[in-house]
Amino acid sequence: MMKWSGNAFWFYEKSGMRKVVRKSGVLKKLPYHLDEFEKIIPQTVSPSERKQDFVKIKSKGEKKATVAFFTGCIMDSMFHRINRLSVQLLAEAGCDVIVVPNQTCCGALHAHSGELEEAKRLAKQNIAAFEQEEVDFIVHNAGGCGAMLYEYDHLLADEKEWADKASTFSAKIRDISQVLIACGGLPNLKARKEEERVTYQPSCHMTNVQKVIQEPMDLLKSVSGVHFIEMNQADMCCGSAGIYNIIHFDASMSILDEKMKNMKASDASVIITTNPGCLLQMKLGIEREKLSSSVRVLHLVEYLAEAAGIS
């Protein structure tokens, strides 16, 4: 379904339908304030480009680790470019990277909705896919996915056949920032032409489940020319929370408005996030504040790739 959605969004944009729909005013008639979210749909890639995934990529320079990359469903369909850049950054840092076939959705939204049997089915499929390769780490670039993958051992603890496999799987889960730091950071980062004020909106899932806090900030600070400003109440949720911002729009926007006050107080021109939900939510906040011409919202991977000269 997510692959179909990615194809549909690509066609919606490339066919010119998006311009027609916007002019027609039909978006305002959609439920769940979907007209607001339509404004922040990321630029998608073609179905043919998404099929041309990497399988095995060799490290550049000295090999420091062998990793398997978790593509995810939302990241692969809506943020495919960030996935591609992630693989390139890992190789740049000294990792052999394997994109494992037959992997699937992490099951987070299913588990959040109480559909535990479906979440378990997806978990088992992922474990079976990744155990085919001998790797040091299983790397993700999405806080929400990472939290779910990290807790497969809890999800399957009562299933004798899967408990040990799940425990082995979960022990290998790492956010991409952890692996980049463990490999010594990224070589040859270019200095910003002008000093850039950068702030960071951490993923609640990544902070509270995986306990990944310092690594993204350390990577940002490693870029010469970055003036890092920690946002007030940075650990406060942005209000995305899976699909909370869709089904509880008004409450979510109240949280986002508070987050935007703190963002504006930082006077940052770049907001960095590490999760697709946070990324879209912060982009929505910038749109609501009419700051899109002066403030960029980027995934950590995008910003690091930019600094490394990778496109």
C-alpha atoms as a PDB file:
ATOM      1  CA  MET A   1       0.000   0.000   0.000  1.00  0.00           C
ATOM      2  CA  MET A   2       2.843   2.397   0.792  1.00  0.00           C
ATOM      3  CA  LYS A   3       4.517   1.610  -2.541  1.00  0.00           C
ATOM      4  CA  TRP A   4       1.206   2.310  -4.262  1.00  0.00           C
ATOM      5  CA  SER A   5       0.886   5.580  -2.337  1.00  0.00           C
ATOM      6  CA  GLY A   6       4.390   6.626  -3.375  1.00  0.00           C
ATOM      7  CA  ASN A   7       3.542   5.887  -7.013  1.00  0.00           C
ATOM      8  CA  ALA A   8       0.276   7.813  -6.696  1.00  0.00           C
ATOM      9  CA  PHE A   9       1.948  10.893  -5.186  1.00  0.00           C
ATOM     10  CA  TRP A  10       4.588  10.838  -7.923  1.00  0.00           C
ATOM     11  CA  PHE A  11       1.891  10.723 -10.614  1.00  0.00           C
ATOM     12  CA  TYR A  12      -0.116  13.418  -8.785  1.00  0.00           C
ATOM     13  CA  GLU A  13       2.864  15.769  -8.986  1.00  0.00           C
ATOM     14  CA  LYS A  14       4.371  14.909 -12.367  1.00  0.00           C
ATOM     15  CA  SER A  15       1.079  14.769 -14.289  1.00  0.00           C
ATOM     16  CA  GLY A  16       0.164  18.339 -13.366  1.00  0.00           C
ATOM     17  CA  MET A  17      -2.829  17.081 -11.388  1.00  0.00           C
ATOM     18  CA  ARG A  18      -1.533  18.784  -8.243  1.00  0.00           C
ATOM     19  CA  LYS A  19      -1.830  22.248  -9.795  1.00  0.00           C
ATOM     20  CA  VAL A  20      -5.316  21.504 -11.088  1.00  0.00           C
ATOM     21  CA  VAL A  21      -6.526  20.129  -7.750  1.00  0.00           C
ATOM     22  CA  ARG A  22      -5.128  23.095  -5.848  1.00  0.00           C
ATOM     23  CA  LYS A  23      -6.839  25.589  -8.140  1.00  0.00           C
ATOM     24  CA  SER A  24     -10.159  23.738  -7.933  1.00  0.00           C
ATOM     25  CA  GLY A  25     -10.471  24.190  -4.169  1.00  0.00           C
ATOM     26  CA  VAL A  26     -11.417  20.546  -3.709  1.00  0.00           C
ATOM     27  CA  LEU A  27      -8.668  20.076  -1.123  1.00  0.00           C
ATOM     28  CA  LYS A  28     -10.584  22.182   1.393  1.00  0.00           C
ATOM     29  CA  LYS A  29     -13.397  19.627   1.273  1.00  0.00           C
ATOM     30  CA  LEU A  30     -11.181  16.724   2.359  1.00  0.00           C
ATOM     31  CA  PRO A  31     -11.553  15.341   5.908  1.00  0.00           C
ATOM     32  CA  TYR A  32      -8.925  15.385   8.668  1.00  0.00           C
ATOM     33  CA  HIS A  33      -7.444  18.703   7.462  1.00  0.00           C
ATOM     34  CA  LEU A  34      -5.685  16.817   4.679  1.00  0.00           C
ATOM     35  CA  ASP A  35      -5.455  20.062   2.706  1.00  0.00           C
ATOM     36  CA  GLU A  36      -2.913  21.251   5.286  1.00  0.00           C
ATOM     37  CA  PHE A  37      -0.796  18.128   4.895  1.00  0.00           C
ATOM     38  CA  GLU A  38      -0.972  18.229   1.103  1.00  0.00           C
ATOM     39  CA  LYS A  39       1.190  21.380   1.201  1.00  0.00           C
ATOM     40  CA  ILE A  40       4.101  19.498   2.713  1.00  0.00           C
ATOM     41  CA  ILE A  41       4.136  16.329   0.616  1.00  0.00           C
ATOM     42  CA  PRO A  42       7.840  15.693  -0.101  1.00  0.00           C
ATOM     43  CA  GLN A  43       9.072  15.485  -3.660  1.00  0.00           C
ATOM     44  CA  THR A  44       8.818  11.844  -4.634  1.00  0.00           C
ATOM     45  CA  VAL A  45      10.884   9.793  -7.068  1.00  0.00           C
ATOM     46  CA  SER A  46       9.606   7.695  -9.934  1.00  0.00           C
ATOM     47  CA  PRO A  47       8.551   4.062  -9.444  1.00  0.00           C
ATOM     48  CA  SER A  48      11.386   2.958 -11.739  1.00  0.00           C
ATOM     49  CA  GLU A  49      13.982   4.812  -9.659  1.00  0.00           C
ATOM     50  CA  ARG A  50      12.712   3.236  -6.448  1.00  0.00           C
ATOM     51  CA  LYS A  51      13.125  -0.200  -8.025  1.00  0.00           C
ATOM     52  CA  GLN A  52      16.822   0.498  -8.661  1.00  0.00           C
ATOM     53  CA  ASP A  53      17.797  -0.056  -5.050  1.00  0.00           C
ATOM     54  CA  PHE A  54      21.297  -0.862  -3.916  1.00  0.00           C
ATOM     55  CA  VAL A  55      21.981  -4.441  -2.951  1.00  0.00           C
ATOM     56  CA  LYS A  56      25.569  -4.371  -1.693  1.00  0.00           C
ATOM     57  CA  ILE A  57      27.751  -1.279  -1.504  1.00  0.00           C
ATOM     58  CA  LYS A  58      31.433  -1.400  -0.583  1.00  0.00           C
ATOM     59  CA  SER A  59      32.924   1.024   1.939  1.00  0.00           C
ATOM     60  CA  LYS A  60      35.060   3.878   0.745  1.00  0.00           C
ATOM     61  CA  GLY A  61      38.501   3.517   2.226  1.00  0.00           C
ATOM     62  CA  GLU A  62      39.160   1.324   5.249  1.00  0.00           C
ATOM     63  CA  LYS A  63      36.265  -0.968   6.132  1.00  0.00           C
ATOM     64  CA  LYS A  64      35.101  -0.406   9.711  1.00  0.00           C
ATOM     65  CA  ALA A  65      31.826  -2.343   9.823  1.00  0.00           C
ATOM     66  CA  THR A  66      29.340  -4.351   7.806  1.00  0.00           C
ATOM     67  CA  VAL A  67      25.779  -3.118   8.167  1.00  0.00           C
ATOM     68  CA  ALA A  68      22.339  -3.970   6.839  1.00  0.00           C
ATOM     69  CA  PHE A  69      20.114  -1.016   6.024  1.00  0.00           C
ATOM     70  CA  PHE A  70      16.446  -0.961   6.986  1.00  0.00           C
ATOM     71  CA  THR A  71      14.534   0.900   4.277  1.00  0.00           C
ATOM     72  CA  GLY A  72      11.137   1.114   5.989  1.00  0.00           C
ATOM     73  CA  CYS A  73       7.860   1.587   4.148  1.00  0.00           C
ATOM     74  CA  ILE A  74       7.176   5.323   4.589  1.00  0.00           C
ATOM     75  CA  MET A  75      10.850   6.204   4.176  1.00  0.00           C
ATOM     76  CA  ASP A  76      11.121   4.098   1.029  1.00  0.00           C
ATOM     77  CA  SER A  77       7.933   5.336  -0.604  1.00  0.00           C
ATOM     78  CA  MET A  78       7.916   9.012   0.448  1.00  0.00           C
ATOM     79  CA  PHE A  79      11.533   9.757   1.382  1.00  0.00           C
ATOM     80  CA  HIS A  80      13.457   7.507  -0.964  1.00  0.00           C
ATOM     81  CA  ARG A  81      16.161  10.121  -1.520  1.00  0.00           C
ATOM     82  CA  ILE A  82      16.978  10.155   2.212  1.00  0.00           C
ATOM     83  CA  ASN A  83      17.359   6.369   2.121  1.00  0.00           C
ATOM     84  CA  ARG A  84      19.724   6.613  -0.849  1.00  0.00           C
ATOM     85  CA  LEU A  85      21.784   9.322   0.863  1.00  0.00           C
ATOM     86  CA  SER A  86      21.882   7.225   4.044  1.00  0.00           C
ATOM     87  CA  VAL A  87      23.501   4.328   2.206  1.00  0.00           C
ATOM     88  CA  GLN A  88      26.025   6.677   0.614  1.00  0.00           C
ATOM     89  CA  LEU A  89      26.931   8.278   3.959  1.00  0.00           C
ATOM     90  CA  LEU A  90      27.423   4.880   5.579  1.00  0.00           C
ATOM     91  CA  ALA A  91      29.771   3.838   2.772  1.00  0.00           C
ATOM     92  CA  GLU A  92      31.603   7.161   3.077  1.00  0.00           C
ATOM     93  CA  ALA A  93      32.128   6.534   6.798  1.00  0.00           C
ATOM     94  CA  GLY A  94      33.643   3.093   6.168  1.00  0.00           C
ATOM     95  CA  CYS A  95      30.735   0.646   6.103  1.00  0.00           C
ATOM     96  CA  ASP A  96      29.963  -2.162   3.713  1.00  0.00           C
ATOM     97  CA  VAL A  97      26.203  -1.726   3.292  1.00  0.00           C
ATOM     98  CA  ILE A  98      23.680  -4.423   2.427  1.00  0.00           C
ATOM     99  CA  VAL A  99      20.089  -3.592   1.492  1.00  0.00           C
ATOM    100  CA  VAL A 100      18.394  -6.830   2.486  1.00  0.00           C
ATOM    101  CA  PRO A 101      15.638  -8.135   0.173  1.00  0.00           C
ATOM    102  CA  ASN A 102      12.223  -9.208   1.475  1.00  0.00           C
ATOM    103  CA  GLN A 103      12.241  -6.750   4.375  1.00  0.00           C
ATOM    104  CA  THR A 104       8.950  -5.021   5.132  1.00  0.00           C
ATOM    105  CA  CYS A 105       7.194  -2.439   7.312  1.00  0.00           C
ATOM    106  CA  CYS A 106       8.446  -2.321  10.913  1.00  0.00           C
ATOM    107  CA  GLY A 107       4.885  -2.688  12.238  1.00  0.00           C
ATOM    108  CA  ALA A 108       4.951   0.393  14.493  1.00  0.00           C
ATOM    109  CA  LEU A 109       1.603   1.854  13.445  1.00  0.00           C
ATOM    110  CA  HIS A 110      -0.020  -1.566  13.736  1.00  0.00           C
ATOM    111  CA  ALA A 111       1.296  -1.995  17.273  1.00  0.00           C
ATOM    112  CA  HIS A 112       0.206   1.538  18.205  1.00  0.00           C
ATOM    113  CA  SER A 113      -3.298   0.676  16.995  1.00  0.00           C
ATOM    114  CA  GLY A 114      -3.449  -2.546  18.985  1.00  0.00           C
ATOM    115  CA  GLU A 115      -3.096  -4.784  15.919  1.00  0.00           C
ATOM    116  CA  LEU A 116      -0.424  -6.865  17.636  1.00  0.00           C
ATOM    117  CA  GLU A 117      -0.831 -10.014  15.563  1.00  0.00           C
ATOM    118  CA  GLU A 118      -0.125  -8.086  12.367  1.00  0.00           C
ATOM    119  CA  ALA A 119       2.810  -6.317  14.047  1.00  0.00           C
ATOM    120  CA  LYS A 120       4.204  -9.716  15.053  1.00  0.00           C
ATOM    121  CA  ARG A 121       3.801 -11.064  11.529  1.00  0.00           C
ATOM    122  CA  LEU A 122       5.770  -8.140  10.122  1.00  0.00           C
ATOM    123  CA  ALA A 123       8.426  -8.489  12.826  1.00  0.00           C
ATOM    124  CA  LYS A 124       8.932 -12.158  11.975  1.00  0.00           C
ATOM    125  CA  GLN A 125       9.270 -11.346   8.282  1.00  0.00           C
ATOM    126  CA  ASN A 126      11.943  -8.745   9.022  1.00  0.00           C
ATOM    127  CA  ILE A 127      13.858 -11.016  11.392  1.00  0.00           C
ATOM    128  CA  ALA A 128      13.823 -13.839   8.824  1.00  0.00           C
ATOM    129  CA  ALA A 129      15.038 -11.447   6.093  1.00  0.00           C
ATOM    130  CA  PHE A 130      17.875  -9.879   8.068  1.00  0.00           C
ATOM    131  CA  GLU A 131      19.195 -13.067   9.648  1.00  0.00           C
ATOM    132  CA  GLN A 132      20.238 -14.201   6.179  1.00  0.00           C
ATOM    133  CA  GLU A 133      23.190 -11.791   6.349  1.00  0.00           C
ATOM    134  CA  GLU A 134      26.098 -11.637   8.801  1.00  0.00           C
ATOM    135  CA  VAL A 135      26.262  -7.985   9.834  1.00  0.00           C
ATOM    136  CA  ASP A 136      27.504  -5.950  12.777  1.00  0.00           C
ATOM    137  CA  PHE A 137      24.503  -3.628  12.873  1.00  0.00           C
ATOM    138  CA  ILE A 138      21.049  -3.149  11.392  1.00  0.00           C
ATOM    139  CA  VAL A 139      20.807   0.555  10.623  1.00  0.00           C
ATOM    140  CA  HIS A 140      17.707   2.734  10.309  1.00  0.00           C
ATOM    141  CA  ASN A 141      17.196   6.458   9.721  1.00  0.00           C
ATOM    142  CA  ALA A 142      13.735   6.899  11.285  1.00  0.00           C
ATOM    143  CA  GLY A 143      13.220   7.256  15.033  1.00  0.00           C
ATOM    144  CA  GLY A 144       9.770   5.665  15.005  1.00  0.00           C
ATOM    145  CA  CYS A 145      10.897   2.636  13.019  1.00  0.00           C
ATOM    146  CA  GLY A 146      13.997   2.283  15.158  1.00  0.00           C
ATOM    147  CA  ALA A 147      11.980   2.222  18.373  1.00  0.00           C
ATOM    148  CA  MET A 148       9.788  -0.567  17.010  1.00  0.00           C
ATOM    149  CA  LEU A 149      12.699  -2.632  15.691  1.00  0.00           C
ATOM    150  CA  TYR A 150      14.517  -2.159  18.989  1.00  0.00           C
ATOM    151  CA  GLU A 151      11.555  -3.640  20.853  1.00  0.00           C
ATOM    152  CA  TYR A 152      11.008  -6.765  18.733  1.00  0.00           C
ATOM    153  CA  ASP A 153      12.479  -8.752  21.640  1.00  0.00           C
ATOM    154  CA  HIS A 154       9.610  -7.543  23.858  1.00  0.00           C
ATOM    155  CA  LEU A 155       7.007  -8.035  21.133  1.00  0.00           C
ATOM    156  CA  LEU A 156       7.989 -11.674  20.596  1.00  0.00           C
ATOM    157  CA  ALA A 157       9.169 -12.533  24.121  1.00  0.00           C
ATOM    158  CA  ASP A 158       6.338 -15.052  24.652  1.00  0.00           C
ATOM    159  CA  GLU A 159       6.925 -16.926  21.390  1.00  0.00           C
ATOM    160  CA  LYS A 160       9.451 -19.688  22.039  1.00  0.00           C
ATOM    161  CA  GLU A 161      10.438 -20.144  18.405  1.00  0.00           C
ATOM    162  CA  TRP A 162      11.129 -16.421  17.888  1.00  0.00           C
ATOM    163  CA  ALA A 163      12.243 -14.992  21.249  1.00  0.00           C
ATOM    164  CA  ASP A 164      15.973 -15.656  20.857  1.00  0.00           C
ATOM    165  CA  LYS A 165      15.974 -14.565  17.221  1.00  0.00           C
ATOM    166  CA  ALA A 166      14.167 -11.354  18.140  1.00  0.00           C
ATOM    167  CA  SER A 167      16.644 -10.664  20.931  1.00  0.00           C
ATOM    168  CA  THR A 168      19.585 -11.096  18.558  1.00  0.00           C
ATOM    169  CA  PHE A 169      17.896  -8.850  16.006  1.00  0.00           C
ATOM    170  CA  SER A 170      17.079  -6.066  18.489  1.00  0.00           C
ATOM    171  CA  ALA A 171      20.627  -6.045  19.868  1.00  0.00           C
ATOM    172  CA  LYS A 172      21.917  -5.034  16.432  1.00  0.00           C
ATOM    173  CA  ILE A 173      19.554  -2.087  15.885  1.00  0.00           C
ATOM    174  CA  ARG A 174      21.289   1.276  15.546  1.00  0.00           C
ATOM    175  CA  ASP A 175      20.256   4.720  14.374  1.00  0.00           C
ATOM    176  CA  ILE A 176      22.435   5.930  11.506  1.00  0.00           C
ATOM    177  CA  SER A 177      23.874   8.685  13.716  1.00  0.00           C
ATOM    178  CA  GLN A 178      25.195   6.066  16.165  1.00  0.00           C
ATOM    179  CA  VAL A 179      26.997   4.174  13.416  1.00  0.00           C
ATOM    180  CA  LEU A 180      28.465   7.295  11.821  1.00  0.00           C
ATOM    181  CA  ILE A 181      29.852   8.364  15.205  1.00  0.00           C
ATOM    182  CA  ALA A 182      31.145   4.849  15.952  1.00  0.00           C
ATOM    183  CA  CYS A 183      33.004   4.937  12.626  1.00  0.00           C
ATOM    184  CA  GLY A 184      34.710   8.191  13.600  1.00  0.00           C
ATOM    185  CA  GLY A 185      32.351  10.595  11.884  1.00  0.00           C
ATOM    186  CA  LEU A 186      32.318  11.645   8.249  1.00  0.00           C
ATOM    187  CA  PRO A 187      35.550  12.575   6.478  1.00  0.00           C
ATOM    188  CA  ASN A 188      35.873  15.572   4.168  1.00  0.00           C
ATOM    189  CA  LEU A 189      32.900  17.573   5.425  1.00  0.00           C
ATOM    190  CA  LYS A 190      32.854  20.933   3.673  1.00  0.00           C
ATOM    191  CA  ALA A 191      32.664  24.143   5.699  1.00  0.00           C
ATOM    192  CA  ARG A 192      29.551  26.238   5.269  1.00  0.00           C
ATOM    193  CA  LYS A 193      30.174  29.290   3.094  1.00  0.00           C
ATOM    194  CA  GLU A 194      28.519  31.391   5.768  1.00  0.00           C
ATOM    195  CA  GLU A 195      27.806  30.599   9.397  1.00  0.00           C
ATOM    196  CA  GLU A 196      24.442  28.856   9.659  1.00  0.00           C
ATOM    197  CA  ARG A 197      22.286  28.783  12.771  1.00  0.00           C
ATOM    198  CA  VAL A 198      21.052  25.203  13.182  1.00  0.00           C
ATOM    199  CA  THR A 199      18.697  23.719  15.769  1.00  0.00           C
ATOM    200  CA  TYR A 200      17.588  20.147  16.345  1.00  0.00           C
ATOM    201  CA  GLN A 201      14.154  18.660  16.992  1.00  0.00           C
ATOM    202  CA  PRO A 202      14.796  15.183  18.461  1.00  0.00           C
ATOM    203  CA  SER A 203      12.520  12.243  17.816  1.00  0.00           C
ATOM    204  CA  CYS A 204      10.636  11.214  20.970  1.00  0.00           C
ATOM    205  CA  HIS A 205      10.839   7.571  19.884  1.00  0.00           C
ATOM    206  CA  MET A 206      14.578   7.723  19.349  1.00  0.00           C
ATOM    207  CA  THR A 207      15.225   9.633  22.590  1.00  0.00           C
ATOM    208  CA  ASN A 208      12.989   7.660  24.917  1.00  0.00           C
ATOM    209  CA  VAL A 209      13.272   4.137  23.516  1.00  0.00           C
ATOM    210  CA  GLN A 210      16.692   3.845  21.910  1.00  0.00           C
ATOM    211  CA  LYS A 211      18.193   6.522  24.187  1.00  0.00           C
ATOM    212  CA  VAL A 212      19.950   8.140  21.208  1.00  0.00           C
ATOM    213  CA  ILE A 213      20.435  11.747  22.284  1.00  0.00           C
ATOM    214  CA  GLN A 214      23.922  13.113  21.764  1.00  0.00           C
ATOM    215  CA  GLU A 215      25.038  11.557  18.464  1.00  0.00           C
ATOM    216  CA  PRO A 216      22.913  13.677  16.082  1.00  0.00           C
ATOM    217  CA  MET A 217      24.046  16.877  17.806  1.00  0.00           C
ATOM    218  CA  ASP A 218      27.688  15.802  17.706  1.00  0.00           C
ATOM    219  CA  LEU A 219      27.417  15.177  13.955  1.00  0.00           C
ATOM    220  CA  LEU A 220      25.882  18.608  13.381  1.00  0.00           C
ATOM    221  CA  LYS A 221      28.591  20.278  15.443  1.00  0.00           C
ATOM    222  CA  SER A 222      31.244  18.502  13.356  1.00  0.00           C
ATOM    223  CA  VAL A 223      30.259  20.586  10.320  1.00  0.00           C
ATOM    224  CA  SER A 224      32.465  23.675  10.194  1.00  0.00           C
ATOM    225  CA  GLY A 225      30.400  26.843  10.001  1.00  0.00           C
ATOM    226  CA  VAL A 226      27.434  25.438  11.916  1.00  0.00           C
ATOM    227  CA  HIS A 227      26.340  27.533  14.878  1.00  0.00           C
ATOM    228  CA  PHE A 228      24.350  24.987  16.848  1.00  0.00           C
ATOM    229  CA  ILE A 229      21.562  26.344  19.059  1.00  0.00           C
ATOM    230  CA  GLU A 230      19.722  23.991  21.371  1.00  0.00           C
ATOM    231  CA  MET A 231      16.005  24.742  21.215  1.00  0.00           C
ATOM    232  CA  ASN A 232      14.160  25.530  24.447  1.00  0.00           C
ATOM    233  CA  GLN A 233      12.144  22.483  25.532  1.00  0.00           C
ATOM    234  CA  ALA A 234      13.750  20.513  22.727  1.00  0.00           C
ATOM    235  CA  ASP A 235      12.594  17.255  24.324  1.00  0.00           C
ATOM    236  CA  MET A 236       8.933  18.300  24.075  1.00  0.00           C
ATOM    237  CA  CYS A 237       6.986  16.345  21.444  1.00  0.00           C
ATOM    238  CA  CYS A 238       6.347  18.177  18.175  1.00  0.00           C
ATOM    239  CA  GLY A 239       2.796  16.784  18.072  1.00  0.00           C
ATOM    240  CA  SER A 240       3.201  14.392  15.147  1.00  0.00           C
ATOM    241  CA  ALA A 241       3.253  11.100  17.104  1.00  0.00           C
ATOM    242  CA  GLY A 242       2.527   8.665  14.273  1.00  0.00           C
ATOM    243  CA  ILE A 243      -0.897   9.703  12.970  1.00  0.00           C
ATOM    244  CA  TYR A 244      -1.900  11.676  16.083  1.00  0.00           C
ATOM    245  CA  ASN A 245      -1.609  14.908  14.084  1.00  0.00           C
ATOM    246  CA  ILE A 246      -4.231  13.613  11.653  1.00  0.00           C
ATOM    247  CA  ILE A 247      -6.803  12.130  14.015  1.00  0.00           C
ATOM    248  CA  HIS A 248      -6.299  14.764  16.751  1.00  0.00           C
ATOM    249  CA  PHE A 249      -5.476  17.725  14.535  1.00  0.00           C
ATOM    250  CA  ASP A 250      -6.425  20.593  16.869  1.00  0.00           C
ATOM    251  CA  ALA A 251      -4.540  19.208  19.874  1.00  0.00           C
ATOM    252  CA  SER A 252      -1.557  18.430  17.666  1.00  0.00           C
ATOM    253  CA  MET A 253      -1.496  21.969  16.272  1.00  0.00           C
ATOM    254  CA  SER A 254      -1.567  23.435  19.782  1.00  0.00           C
ATOM    255  CA  ILE A 255       1.551  21.414  20.588  1.00  0.00           C
ATOM    256  CA  LEU A 256       3.132  22.460  17.296  1.00  0.00           C
ATOM    257  CA  ASP A 257       2.397  26.143  17.914  1.00  0.00           C
ATOM    258  CA  GLU A 258       4.260  25.923  21.220  1.00  0.00           C
ATOM    259  CA  LYS A 259       7.145  24.205  19.451  1.00  0.00           C
ATOM    260  CA  MET A 260       7.232  26.991  16.858  1.00  0.00           C
ATOM    261  CA  LYS A 261       7.541  29.622  19.606  1.00  0.00           C
ATOM    262  CA  ASN A 262      10.671  27.898  20.830  1.00  0.00           C
ATOM    263  CA  MET A 263      11.973  27.466  17.291  1.00  0.00           C
ATOM    264  CA  LYS A 264      11.565  31.170  16.517  1.00  0.00           C
ATOM    265  CA  ALA A 265      13.278  32.092  19.784  1.00  0.00           C
ATOM    266  CA  SER A 266      16.342  30.158  18.586  1.00  0.00           C
ATOM    267  CA  ASP A 267      16.511  32.327  15.438  1.00  0.00           C
ATOM    268  CA  ALA A 268      17.663  29.235  13.544  1.00  0.00           C
ATOM    269  CA  SER A 269      17.567  29.095   9.759  1.00  0.00           C
ATOM    270  CA  VAL A 270      17.738  25.275   9.688  1.00  0.00           C
ATOM    271  CA  ILE A 271      15.728  22.738  11.698  1.00  0.00           C
ATOM    272  CA  ILE A 272      17.116  19.195  11.755  1.00  0.00           C
ATOM    273  CA  THR A 273      14.998  16.129  12.546  1.00  0.00           C
ATOM    274  CA  THR A 274      15.563  12.356  12.537  1.00  0.00           C
ATOM    275  CA  ASN A 275      12.082  10.971  11.897  1.00  0.00           C
ATOM    276  CA  PRO A 276       9.644  11.337   8.958  1.00  0.00           C
ATOM    277  CA  GLY A 277       6.714  12.332  11.183  1.00  0.00           C
ATOM    278  CA  CYS A 278       8.763  15.028  12.909  1.00  0.00           C
ATOM    279  CA  LEU A 279      10.082  16.191   9.533  1.00  0.00           C
ATOM    280  CA  LEU A 280       6.601  16.701   8.085  1.00  0.00           C
ATOM    281  CA  GLN A 281       5.238  18.206  11.311  1.00  0.00           C
ATOM    282  CA  MET A 282       8.022  20.788  11.526  1.00  0.00           C
ATOM    283  CA  LYS A 283       7.540  21.624   7.842  1.00  0.00           C
ATOM    284  CA  LEU A 284       3.862  22.147   8.561  1.00  0.00           C
ATOM    285  CA  GLY A 285       4.806  24.436  11.444  1.00  0.00           C
ATOM    286  CA  ILE A 286       7.029  26.505   9.177  1.00  0.00           C
ATOM    287  CA  GLU A 287       4.193  26.760   6.632  1.00  0.00           C
ATOM    288  CA  ARG A 288       1.746  27.873   9.329  1.00  0.00           C
ATOM    289  CA  GLU A 289       4.182  30.541  10.514  1.00  0.00           C
ATOM    290  CA  LYS A 290       4.886  31.645   6.914  1.00  0.00           C
ATOM    291  CA  LEU A 291       8.611  31.074   7.360  1.00  0.00           C
ATOM    292  CA  SER A 292       9.235  28.730   4.426  1.00  0.00           C
ATOM    293  CA  SER A 293      11.308  31.340   2.587  1.00  0.00           C
ATOM    294  CA  SER A 294      13.752  31.791   5.472  1.00  0.00           C
ATOM    295  CA  VAL A 295      13.824  28.468   7.376  1.00  0.00           C
ATOM    296  CA  ARG A 296      14.716  25.043   6.023  1.00  0.00           C
ATOM    297  CA  VAL A 297      13.580  21.765   7.595  1.00  0.00           C
ATOM    298  CA  LEU A 298      15.849  18.818   6.789  1.00  0.00           C
ATOM    299  CA  HIS A 299      16.479  15.274   7.914  1.00  0.00           C
ATOM    300  CA  LEU A 300      19.892  14.902   9.555  1.00  0.00           C
ATOM    301  CA  VAL A 301      20.968  12.682   6.662  1.00  0.00           C
ATOM    302  CA  GLU A 302      20.109  15.381   4.103  1.00  0.00           C
ATOM    303  CA  TYR A 303      22.129  17.999   5.948  1.00  0.00           C
ATOM    304  CA  LEU A 304      25.166  15.755   6.395  1.00  0.00           C
ATOM    305  CA  ALA A 305      25.046  14.669   2.746  1.00  0.00           C
ATOM    306  CA  GLU A 306      24.920  18.331   1.734  1.00  0.00           C
ATOM    307  CA  ALA A 307      28.004  19.029   3.875  1.00  0.00           C
ATOM    308  CA  ALA A 308      29.777  15.971   2.421  1.00  0.00           C
ATOM    309  CA  GLY A 309      29.065  17.039  -1.150  1.00  0.00           C
ATOM    310  CA  ILE A 310      26.837  14.012  -1.786  1.00  0.00           C
ATOM    311  CA  SER A 311      23.691  14.517  -3.867  1.00  0.00           C
END
